[in-house]
Protein backbone atom coordinates (compact mmCIF):
# COMPACT_ATOMS: atom_id res chain seq x y z
CA UNK A 1 93.38 40.63 316.46
CA UNK A 2 94.31 38.18 313.69
CA UNK A 3 96.08 34.84 314.13
CA UNK A 4 98.44 34.07 311.25
CA UNK A 5 100.06 30.84 310.04
CA UNK A 6 103.17 31.50 307.95
CA UNK A 7 104.62 28.78 305.75
CA UNK A 8 106.87 28.44 302.73
CA UNK A 9 108.52 25.98 300.39
CA UNK A 10 105.83 23.33 300.38
CA UNK A 11 107.06 22.08 296.96
CA UNK A 12 103.64 20.50 296.15
CA UNK A 13 103.31 18.88 299.59
CA UNK A 14 100.42 19.37 302.00
CA UNK A 15 99.24 16.98 304.68
CA UNK A 16 96.84 16.68 307.62
CA UNK A 17 99.53 17.95 309.96
CA UNK A 18 99.78 21.29 308.12
CA UNK A 19 96.00 21.50 307.77
CA UNK A 20 95.53 21.01 311.51
CA UNK A 21 97.38 24.31 312.07
CA UNK A 22 95.60 26.01 309.15
CA UNK A 23 92.28 25.40 310.91
CA UNK A 24 93.52 27.14 314.10
CA UNK A 25 94.23 30.58 312.57
CA UNK A 26 92.40 33.44 310.88
CA UNK A 27 94.67 33.72 307.82
CA UNK A 28 97.43 31.71 306.13
CA UNK A 29 100.41 33.34 304.41
CA UNK A 30 102.48 31.27 301.95
CA UNK A 31 105.88 32.69 300.95
CA UNK A 32 106.38 30.82 297.69
CA UNK A 33 107.69 27.64 296.14
CA UNK A 34 104.13 26.40 296.36
CA UNK A 35 104.60 23.75 293.69
CA UNK A 36 101.23 22.26 292.78
CA UNK A 37 98.36 24.75 293.19
CA UNK A 38 96.45 21.99 294.96
CA UNK A 39 98.40 23.18 298.05
CA UNK A 40 96.98 26.71 297.96
CA UNK A 41 93.56 25.58 296.71
CA UNK A 42 93.29 23.23 299.73
CA UNK A 43 94.26 26.03 302.13
CA UNK A 44 91.82 28.50 300.49
CA UNK A 45 88.94 26.09 301.12
CA UNK A 46 89.60 26.46 304.85
CA UNK A 47 90.98 29.98 305.45
CA UNK A 48 91.80 33.24 303.67
CA UNK A 49 95.20 33.00 301.97
CA UNK A 50 97.84 35.57 301.03
CA UNK A 51 100.72 34.23 298.96
CA UNK A 52 103.57 34.99 296.58
CA UNK A 53 105.11 32.79 293.93
CA UNK A 54 108.60 31.35 294.27
CA UNK A 55 111.36 30.44 291.86
CA UNK A 56 110.07 26.88 291.27
CA UNK A 57 106.47 27.97 290.68
CA UNK A 58 105.02 27.64 287.19
CA UNK A 59 103.03 30.05 285.03
CA UNK A 60 99.76 29.13 286.77
CA UNK A 61 101.08 30.08 290.22
CA UNK A 62 102.66 33.23 288.75
CA UNK A 63 99.30 34.16 287.21
CA UNK A 64 97.49 33.71 290.52
CA UNK A 65 100.03 35.15 292.98
CA UNK A 66 102.37 38.17 292.81
CA UNK A 67 106.16 38.30 293.18
CA UNK A 68 105.71 40.75 296.09
CA UNK A 69 102.68 41.01 298.35
CA UNK A 70 102.59 44.26 300.32
CA UNK A 71 99.67 44.93 302.62
CA UNK A 72 98.60 46.22 306.00
CA UNK A 73 96.71 44.16 308.57
CA UNK A 74 95.89 45.20 312.14
CA UNK A 75 97.98 48.39 311.62
CA UNK A 76 101.06 46.29 310.74
CA UNK A 77 102.71 46.79 307.34
CA UNK A 78 103.92 43.59 305.71
CA UNK A 79 106.08 42.80 302.68
CA UNK A 80 106.23 39.17 301.54
CA UNK A 81 108.49 37.93 298.75
CA UNK A 82 110.08 34.55 298.13
CA UNK A 83 113.71 35.59 297.60
CA UNK A 84 114.38 38.60 299.79
CA UNK A 85 117.49 38.03 301.84
CA UNK A 86 117.71 39.08 305.46
CA UNK A 87 118.97 42.00 307.57
CA UNK A 88 122.27 43.42 306.31
CA UNK A 89 122.09 41.04 303.31
CA UNK A 90 118.87 41.95 301.49
CA UNK A 91 118.57 40.72 297.93
CA UNK A 92 119.62 43.45 295.46
CA UNK A 93 116.08 43.80 294.05
CA UNK A 94 114.79 44.57 297.56
CA UNK A 95 117.60 46.62 299.09
CA UNK A 96 116.84 50.19 297.94
CA UNK A 97 113.10 50.02 298.40
CA UNK A 98 113.22 48.43 301.85
CA UNK A 99 115.57 51.17 303.04
CA UNK A 100 113.26 53.90 301.70
CA UNK A 101 110.02 52.42 302.99
CA UNK A 102 110.57 49.58 305.48
CA UNK A 103 107.57 47.50 306.52
CA UNK A 104 107.06 46.43 310.12
CA UNK A 105 107.42 42.79 309.01
CA UNK A 106 109.54 41.60 306.07
CA UNK A 107 108.96 37.97 305.13
CA UNK A 108 110.91 35.77 302.75
CA UNK A 109 111.34 32.04 302.14
CA UNK A 110 113.61 30.24 299.68
CA UNK A 111 116.48 29.25 302.01
CA UNK A 112 114.54 26.46 303.82
CA UNK A 113 116.17 27.88 306.99
CA UNK A 114 113.86 29.12 309.71
CA UNK A 115 114.95 32.58 310.78
CA UNK A 116 113.45 35.26 313.04
CA UNK A 117 115.67 38.32 313.14
CA UNK A 118 115.11 41.95 314.12
CA UNK A 119 116.69 44.55 311.84
CA UNK A 120 117.73 47.37 314.18
CA UNK A 121 118.73 49.68 311.32
CA UNK A 122 115.34 49.51 309.64
CA UNK A 123 113.28 48.77 312.75
CA UNK A 124 111.58 45.75 311.20
CA UNK A 125 111.08 42.10 312.02
CA UNK A 126 112.38 39.65 309.41
CA UNK A 127 110.67 36.27 309.28
CA UNK A 128 111.52 33.16 307.28
CA UNK A 129 109.33 30.19 308.25
CA UNK A 130 111.73 27.59 306.88
CA UNK A 131 110.20 24.84 304.75
CA UNK A 132 106.92 23.01 305.39
CA UNK A 133 107.40 20.58 302.52
CA UNK A 134 109.53 17.47 302.15
CA UNK A 135 111.75 18.57 299.24
CA UNK A 136 115.11 20.15 300.03
CA UNK A 137 118.05 19.86 302.38
CA UNK A 138 116.27 20.94 305.59
CA UNK A 139 116.00 18.26 308.24
CA UNK A 140 112.91 19.48 310.13
CA UNK A 141 109.73 20.84 308.50
CA UNK A 142 108.82 24.18 310.09
CA UNK A 143 106.22 26.98 310.07
CA UNK A 144 105.59 30.09 312.17
CA UNK A 145 102.43 31.20 313.95
CA UNK A 146 101.78 34.63 315.46
CA UNK A 147 99.11 37.23 316.12
CA UNK A 148 98.80 40.78 314.87
CA UNK A 149 96.97 43.09 317.23
CA UNK A 150 96.64 46.88 316.86
CA UNK A 151 100.11 47.43 315.44
CA UNK A 152 101.85 44.75 317.51
CA UNK A 153 103.23 41.31 316.72
CA UNK A 154 102.40 38.90 319.55
CA UNK A 155 102.70 35.24 320.53
CA UNK A 156 105.27 34.28 317.89
CA UNK A 157 105.70 30.50 317.86
CA UNK A 158 107.85 28.07 315.91
CA UNK A 159 105.94 25.01 314.73
CA UNK A 160 108.01 21.91 314.06
CA UNK A 161 106.27 19.34 311.87
CA UNK A 162 108.92 16.65 312.27
CA UNK A 163 111.46 15.21 309.89
CA UNK A 164 111.10 15.83 306.17
CA UNK A 165 111.90 12.16 305.55
């Protein structure tokens, strides 16, 4: 079993509140718009990190992290990308491939809107952790935490970090 912390859209911001949750899991997944690589470097000092770059990320983030991160962990297939859309409205770059070979979990960020939605057509769970940073229109900073265990997604929790202000 692996405990996962999922966050996105930090926009160069990391604080003790985020790091408290980082310390409680086995792995951290960052779904782009990292901003300053100090964010991911700080996380990597504490826990293994999987990440993708987002539309605001510079050449250094793009050199370190891929556009898409596809992997399997605990018999669960995962596809992470920053701009991916959501069930019935997948981004055009994603649409054909996700229909041909859907993962068990499809994760995107970008919107700053926390969303957990099951895609019945493709039999996958779509996750968007919202935004953990302070830049953007979101009112509450959010992340997701869950466990992967032998092909199952368990104990999915929304973490609210308070106002972005």
